[in-house]
Amino acid sequence: MADLKELWADIRLKLKKDTDKAEFIDGKLQDAFAAFDAKEKGKGQDAILAIYNLDVEKLR
């Protein structure tokens, strides 16, 4: 998770046009980390799936 947090911080700085989506991803990552820490695997997976469904490959 530490690697993911570090990578996202680097990516987030490079996003220019998709600030709304970046904020959404920030929130969902926080939800996912909290869920996994609380041993709530399903909630964590749902948060990650919500990010995936944004079609993140097209963020700019």
PDB file of N, CA and C in Angstrom:
ATOM      1  N   MET A   1       0.818  -1.192   0.000  1.00  0.00           N
ATOM      2  CA  MET A   1       0.000   0.000   0.000  1.00  0.00           C
ATOM      3  C   MET A   1       0.860   1.254   0.000  1.00  0.00           C
ATOM      4  N   ALA A   2       2.000   1.183   0.648  1.00  0.00           N
ATOM      5  CA  ALA A   2       2.885   2.352   0.675  1.00  0.00           C
ATOM      6  C   ALA A   2       3.342   2.711  -0.739  1.00  0.00           C
ATOM      7  N   ASP A   3       3.663   1.686  -1.535  1.00  0.00           N
ATOM      8  CA  ASP A   3       4.073   1.939  -2.915  1.00  0.00           C
ATOM      9  C   ASP A   3       2.946   2.590  -3.709  1.00  0.00           C
ATOM     10  N   LEU A   4       1.739   2.103  -3.524  1.00  0.00           N
ATOM     11  CA  LEU A   4       0.594   2.662  -4.231  1.00  0.00           C
ATOM     12  C   LEU A   4       0.366   4.116  -3.845  1.00  0.00           C
ATOM     13  N   LYS A   5       0.489   4.423  -2.578  1.00  0.00           N
ATOM     14  CA  LYS A   5       0.317   5.803  -2.117  1.00  0.00           C
ATOM     15  C   LYS A   5       1.370   6.714  -2.746  1.00  0.00           C
ATOM     16  N   GLU A   6       2.591   6.239  -2.799  1.00  0.00           N
ATOM     17  CA  GLU A   6       3.677   7.035  -3.378  1.00  0.00           C
ATOM     18  C   GLU A   6       3.481   7.231  -4.882  1.00  0.00           C
ATOM     19  N   LEU A   7       3.107   6.168  -5.569  1.00  0.00           N
ATOM     20  CA  LEU A   7       2.869   6.274  -7.010  1.00  0.00           C
ATOM     21  C   LEU A   7       1.702   7.214  -7.316  1.00  0.00           C
ATOM     22  N   TRP A   8       0.629   7.113  -6.555  1.00  0.00           N
ATOM     23  CA  TRP A   8      -0.516   7.983  -6.784  1.00  0.00           C
ATOM     24  C   TRP A   8      -0.141   9.440  -6.545  1.00  0.00           C
ATOM     25  N   ALA A   9       0.659   9.710  -5.545  1.00  0.00           N
ATOM     26  CA  ALA A   9       1.084  11.092  -5.279  1.00  0.00           C
ATOM     27  C   ALA A   9       1.827  11.660  -6.490  1.00  0.00           C
ATOM     28  N   ASP A  10       2.671  10.853  -7.103  1.00  0.00           N
ATOM     29  CA  ASP A  10       3.402  11.294  -8.299  1.00  0.00           C
ATOM     30  C   ASP A  10       2.462  11.509  -9.481  1.00  0.00           C
ATOM     31  N   ILE A  11       1.538  10.584  -9.673  1.00  0.00           N
ATOM     32  CA  ILE A  11       0.597  10.680 -10.789  1.00  0.00           C
ATOM     33  C   ILE A  11      -0.319  11.882 -10.602  1.00  0.00           C
ATOM     34  N   ARG A  12      -0.790  12.065  -9.392  1.00  0.00           N
ATOM     35  CA  ARG A  12      -1.755  13.148  -9.089  1.00  0.00           C
ATOM     36  C   ARG A  12      -1.186  14.510  -9.477  1.00  0.00           C
ATOM     37  N   LEU A  13       0.106  14.701  -9.258  1.00  0.00           N
ATOM     38  CA  LEU A  13       0.737  15.973  -9.608  1.00  0.00           C
ATOM     39  C   LEU A  13       0.726  16.236 -11.109  1.00  0.00           C
ATOM     40  N   LYS A  14       0.692  15.169 -11.898  1.00  0.00           N
ATOM     41  CA  LYS A  14       0.763  15.307 -13.351  1.00  0.00           C
ATOM     42  C   LYS A  14      -0.607  15.473 -14.013  1.00  0.00           C
ATOM     43  N   LEU A  15      -1.674  15.222 -13.270  1.00  0.00           N
ATOM     44  CA  LEU A  15      -3.010  15.366 -13.841  1.00  0.00           C
ATOM     45  C   LEU A  15      -3.375  16.842 -13.905  1.00  0.00           C
ATOM     46  N   LYS A  16      -3.787  17.269 -15.060  1.00  0.00           N
ATOM     47  CA  LYS A  16      -4.093  18.680 -15.236  1.00  0.00           C
ATOM     48  C   LYS A  16      -5.573  18.911 -15.515  1.00  0.00           C
ATOM     49  N   LYS A  17      -6.141  18.174 -16.434  1.00  0.00           N
ATOM     50  CA  LYS A  17      -7.519  18.421 -16.850  1.00  0.00           C
ATOM     51  C   LYS A  17      -8.547  17.651 -16.027  1.00  0.00           C
ATOM     52  N   ASP A  18      -8.157  16.594 -15.368  1.00  0.00           N
ATOM     53  CA  ASP A  18      -9.101  15.710 -14.696  1.00  0.00           C
ATOM     54  C   ASP A  18      -9.052  15.857 -13.181  1.00  0.00           C
ATOM     55  N   THR A  19      -9.107  17.081 -12.703  1.00  0.00           N
ATOM     56  CA  THR A  19      -8.991  17.295 -11.257  1.00  0.00           C
ATOM     57  C   THR A  19     -10.173  16.708 -10.490  1.00  0.00           C
ATOM     58  N   ASP A  20     -11.372  16.739 -11.073  1.00  0.00           N
ATOM     59  CA  ASP A  20     -12.531  16.145 -10.403  1.00  0.00           C
ATOM     60  C   ASP A  20     -12.346  14.642 -10.224  1.00  0.00           C
ATOM     61  N   LYS A  21     -11.860  14.002 -11.269  1.00  0.00           N
ATOM     62  CA  LYS A  21     -11.629  12.559 -11.182  1.00  0.00           C
ATOM     63  C   LYS A  21     -10.498  12.254 -10.213  1.00  0.00           C
ATOM     64  N   ALA A  22      -9.473  13.098 -10.191  1.00  0.00           N
ATOM     65  CA  ALA A  22      -8.353  12.880  -9.268  1.00  0.00           C
ATOM     66  C   ALA A  22      -8.837  12.963  -7.822  1.00  0.00           C
ATOM     67  N   GLU A  23      -9.722  13.910  -7.536  1.00  0.00           N
ATOM     68  CA  GLU A  23     -10.275  14.026  -6.183  1.00  0.00           C
ATOM     69  C   GLU A  23     -11.115  12.802  -5.836  1.00  0.00           C
ATOM     70  N   PHE A  24     -11.875  12.301  -6.815  1.00  0.00           N
ATOM     71  CA  PHE A  24     -12.665  11.096  -6.613  1.00  0.00           C
ATOM     72  C   PHE A  24     -11.754   9.916  -6.287  1.00  0.00           C
ATOM     73  N   ILE A  25     -10.667   9.789  -7.057  1.00  0.00           N
ATOM     74  CA  ILE A  25      -9.719   8.697  -6.828  1.00  0.00           C
ATOM     75  C   ILE A  25      -9.088   8.822  -5.444  1.00  0.00           C
ATOM     76  N   ASP A  26      -8.706  10.034  -5.056  1.00  0.00           N
ATOM     77  CA  ASP A  26      -8.159  10.249  -3.706  1.00  0.00           C
ATOM     78  C   ASP A  26      -9.104   9.698  -2.647  1.00  0.00           C
ATOM     79  N   GLY A  27     -10.364  10.058  -2.758  1.00  0.00           N
ATOM     80  CA  GLY A  27     -11.349   9.617  -1.777  1.00  0.00           C
ATOM     81  C   GLY A  27     -11.530   8.110  -1.775  1.00  0.00           C
ATOM     82  N   LYS A  28     -11.596   7.532  -2.956  1.00  0.00           N
ATOM     83  CA  LYS A  28     -11.788   6.078  -3.051  1.00  0.00           C
ATOM     84  C   LYS A  28     -10.559   5.318  -2.546  1.00  0.00           C
ATOM     85  N   LEU A  29      -9.369   5.849  -2.812  1.00  0.00           N
ATOM     86  CA  LEU A  29      -8.166   5.201  -2.273  1.00  0.00           C
ATOM     87  C   LEU A  29      -8.168   5.252  -0.747  1.00  0.00           C
ATOM     88  N   GLN A  30      -8.568   6.369  -0.195  1.00  0.00           N
ATOM     89  CA  GLN A  30      -8.655   6.474   1.264  1.00  0.00           C
ATOM     90  C   GLN A  30      -9.682   5.486   1.811  1.00  0.00           C
ATOM     91  N   ASP A  31     -10.829   5.372   1.115  1.00  0.00           N
ATOM     92  CA  ASP A  31     -11.845   4.403   1.521  1.00  0.00           C
ATOM     93  C   ASP A  31     -11.297   2.980   1.467  1.00  0.00           C
ATOM     94  N   ALA A  32     -10.590   2.678   0.388  1.00  0.00           N
ATOM     95  CA  ALA A  32     -10.046   1.331   0.215  1.00  0.00           C
ATOM     96  C   ALA A  32      -9.015   1.009   1.297  1.00  0.00           C
ATOM     97  N   PHE A  33      -8.093   1.909   1.546  1.00  0.00           N
ATOM     98  CA  PHE A  33      -7.074   1.663   2.568  1.00  0.00           C
ATOM     99  C   PHE A  33      -7.716   1.476   3.939  1.00  0.00           C
ATOM    100  N   ALA A  34      -8.698   2.299   4.257  1.00  0.00           N
ATOM    101  CA  ALA A  34      -9.383   2.178   5.550  1.00  0.00           C
ATOM    102  C   ALA A  34     -10.115   0.843   5.642  1.00  0.00           C
ATOM    103  N   ALA A  35     -10.760   0.442   4.566  1.00  0.00           N
ATOM    104  CA  ALA A  35     -11.490  -0.824   4.564  1.00  0.00           C
ATOM    105  C   ALA A  35     -10.542  -2.007   4.723  1.00  0.00           C
ATOM    106  N   PHE A  36      -9.443  -2.005   3.991  1.00  0.00           N
ATOM    107  CA  PHE A  36      -8.495  -3.112   4.106  1.00  0.00           C
ATOM    108  C   PHE A  36      -7.861  -3.158   5.496  1.00  0.00           C
ATOM    109  N   ASP A  37      -7.579  -1.987   6.063  1.00  0.00           N
ATOM    110  CA  ASP A  37      -7.040  -1.941   7.429  1.00  0.00           C
ATOM    111  C   ASP A  37      -8.039  -2.500   8.439  1.00  0.00           C
ATOM    112  N   ALA A  38      -9.335  -2.292   8.164  1.00  0.00           N
ATOM    113  CA  ALA A  38     -10.397  -2.763   9.065  1.00  0.00           C
ATOM    114  C   ALA A  38     -10.810  -4.205   8.734  1.00  0.00           C
ATOM    115  N   LYS A  39     -10.069  -4.833   7.839  1.00  0.00           N
ATOM    116  CA  LYS A  39     -10.350  -6.220   7.427  1.00  0.00           C
ATOM    117  C   LYS A  39     -11.713  -6.342   6.731  1.00  0.00           C
ATOM    118  N   GLU A  40     -12.125  -5.272   6.044  1.00  0.00           N
ATOM    119  CA  GLU A  40     -13.372  -5.266   5.289  1.00  0.00           C
ATOM    120  C   GLU A  40     -13.034  -5.349   3.802  1.00  0.00           C
ATOM    121  N   LYS A  41     -12.606  -6.531   3.398  1.00  0.00           N
ATOM    122  CA  LYS A  41     -12.102  -6.751   2.048  1.00  0.00           C
ATOM    123  C   LYS A  41     -13.109  -6.335   0.964  1.00  0.00           C
ATOM    124  N   GLY A  42     -14.374  -6.652   1.149  1.00  0.00           N
ATOM    125  CA  GLY A  42     -15.394  -6.331   0.147  1.00  0.00           C
ATOM    126  C   GLY A  42     -15.526  -4.840  -0.095  1.00  0.00           C
ATOM    127  N   LYS A  43     -15.510  -4.058   0.973  1.00  0.00           N
ATOM    128  CA  LYS A  43     -15.601  -2.598   0.834  1.00  0.00           C
ATOM    129  C   LYS A  43     -14.373  -2.048   0.126  1.00  0.00           C
ATOM    130  N   GLY A  44     -13.215  -2.598   0.443  1.00  0.00           N
ATOM    131  CA  GLY A  44     -11.985  -2.170  -0.224  1.00  0.00           C
ATOM    132  C   GLY A  44     -12.007  -2.487  -1.705  1.00  0.00           C
ATOM    133  N   GLN A  45     -12.481  -3.666  -2.030  1.00  0.00           N
ATOM    134  CA  GLN A  45     -12.575  -4.057  -3.434  1.00  0.00           C
ATOM    135  C   GLN A  45     -13.568  -3.179  -4.187  1.00  0.00           C
ATOM    136  N   ASP A  46     -14.679  -2.848  -3.540  1.00  0.00           N
ATOM    137  CA  ASP A  46     -15.669  -1.969  -4.176  1.00  0.00           C
ATOM    138  C   ASP A  46     -15.066  -0.596  -4.488  1.00  0.00           C
ATOM    139  N   ALA A  47     -14.275  -0.065  -3.565  1.00  0.00           N
ATOM    140  CA  ALA A  47     -13.648   1.239  -3.778  1.00  0.00           C
ATOM    141  C   ALA A  47     -12.662   1.183  -4.942  1.00  0.00           C
ATOM    142  N   ILE A  48     -11.877   0.130  -5.016  1.00  0.00           N
ATOM    143  CA  ILE A  48     -10.914  -0.025  -6.113  1.00  0.00           C
ATOM    144  C   ILE A  48     -11.647  -0.219  -7.438  1.00  0.00           C
ATOM    145  N   LEU A  49     -12.731  -0.955  -7.419  1.00  0.00           N
ATOM    146  CA  LEU A  49     -13.520  -1.159  -8.635  1.00  0.00           C
ATOM    147  C   LEU A  49     -14.113   0.157  -9.129  1.00  0.00           C
ATOM    148  N   ALA A  50     -14.527   1.014  -8.231  1.00  0.00           N
ATOM    149  CA  ALA A  50     -15.052   2.331  -8.620  1.00  0.00           C
ATOM    150  C   ALA A  50     -13.982   3.143  -9.348  1.00  0.00           C
ATOM    151  N   ILE A  51     -12.738   3.038  -8.891  1.00  0.00           N
ATOM    152  CA  ILE A  51     -11.627   3.717  -9.572  1.00  0.00           C
ATOM    153  C   ILE A  51     -11.426   3.112 -10.961  1.00  0.00           C
ATOM    154  N   TYR A  52     -11.412   1.802 -11.025  1.00  0.00           N
ATOM    155  CA  TYR A  52     -11.218   1.105 -12.299  1.00  0.00           C
ATOM    156  C   TYR A  52     -12.287   1.512 -13.312  1.00  0.00           C
ATOM    157  N   ASN A  53     -13.510   1.655 -12.849  1.00  0.00           N
ATOM    158  CA  ASN A  53     -14.624   1.988 -13.744  1.00  0.00           C
ATOM    159  C   ASN A  53     -14.558   3.418 -14.288  1.00  0.00           C
ATOM    160  N   LEU A  54     -13.660   4.240 -13.776  1.00  0.00           N
ATOM    161  CA  LEU A  54     -13.471   5.588 -14.311  1.00  0.00           C
ATOM    162  C   LEU A  54     -12.737   5.598 -15.639  1.00  0.00           C
ATOM    163  N   ASP A  55     -12.212   4.452 -16.045  1.00  0.00           N
ATOM    164  CA  ASP A  55     -11.385   4.361 -17.256  1.00  0.00           C
ATOM    165  C   ASP A  55     -10.135   5.224 -17.070  1.00  0.00           C
ATOM    166  N   VAL A  56      -9.413   4.936 -15.994  1.00  0.00           N
ATOM    167  CA  VAL A  56      -8.277   5.748 -15.585  1.00  0.00           C
ATOM    168  C   VAL A  56      -7.162   5.835 -16.610  1.00  0.00           C
ATOM    169  N   GLU A  57      -7.148   4.923 -17.560  1.00  0.00           N
ATOM    170  CA  GLU A  57      -6.095   4.969 -18.583  1.00  0.00           C
ATOM    171  C   GLU A  57      -6.201   6.224 -19.453  1.00  0.00           C
ATOM    172  N   LYS A  58      -7.363   6.863 -19.436  1.00  0.00           N
ATOM    173  CA  LYS A  58      -7.580   8.033 -20.291  1.00  0.00           C
ATOM    174  C   LYS A  58      -7.436   9.342 -19.535  1.00  0.00           C
ATOM    175  N   LEU A  59      -7.023   9.316 -18.289  1.00  0.00           N
ATOM    176  CA  LEU A  59      -6.848  10.556 -17.522  1.00  0.00           C
ATOM    177  C   LEU A  59      -5.690  11.362 -18.097  1.00  0.00           C
ATOM    178  N   ARG A  60      -5.835  12.658 -18.047  1.00  0.00           N
ATOM    179  CA  ARG A  60      -4.777  13.554 -18.558  1.00  0.00           C
ATOM    180  C   ARG A  60      -4.461  14.608 -17.533  1.00  0.00           C
TER     181      ARG A  60
END
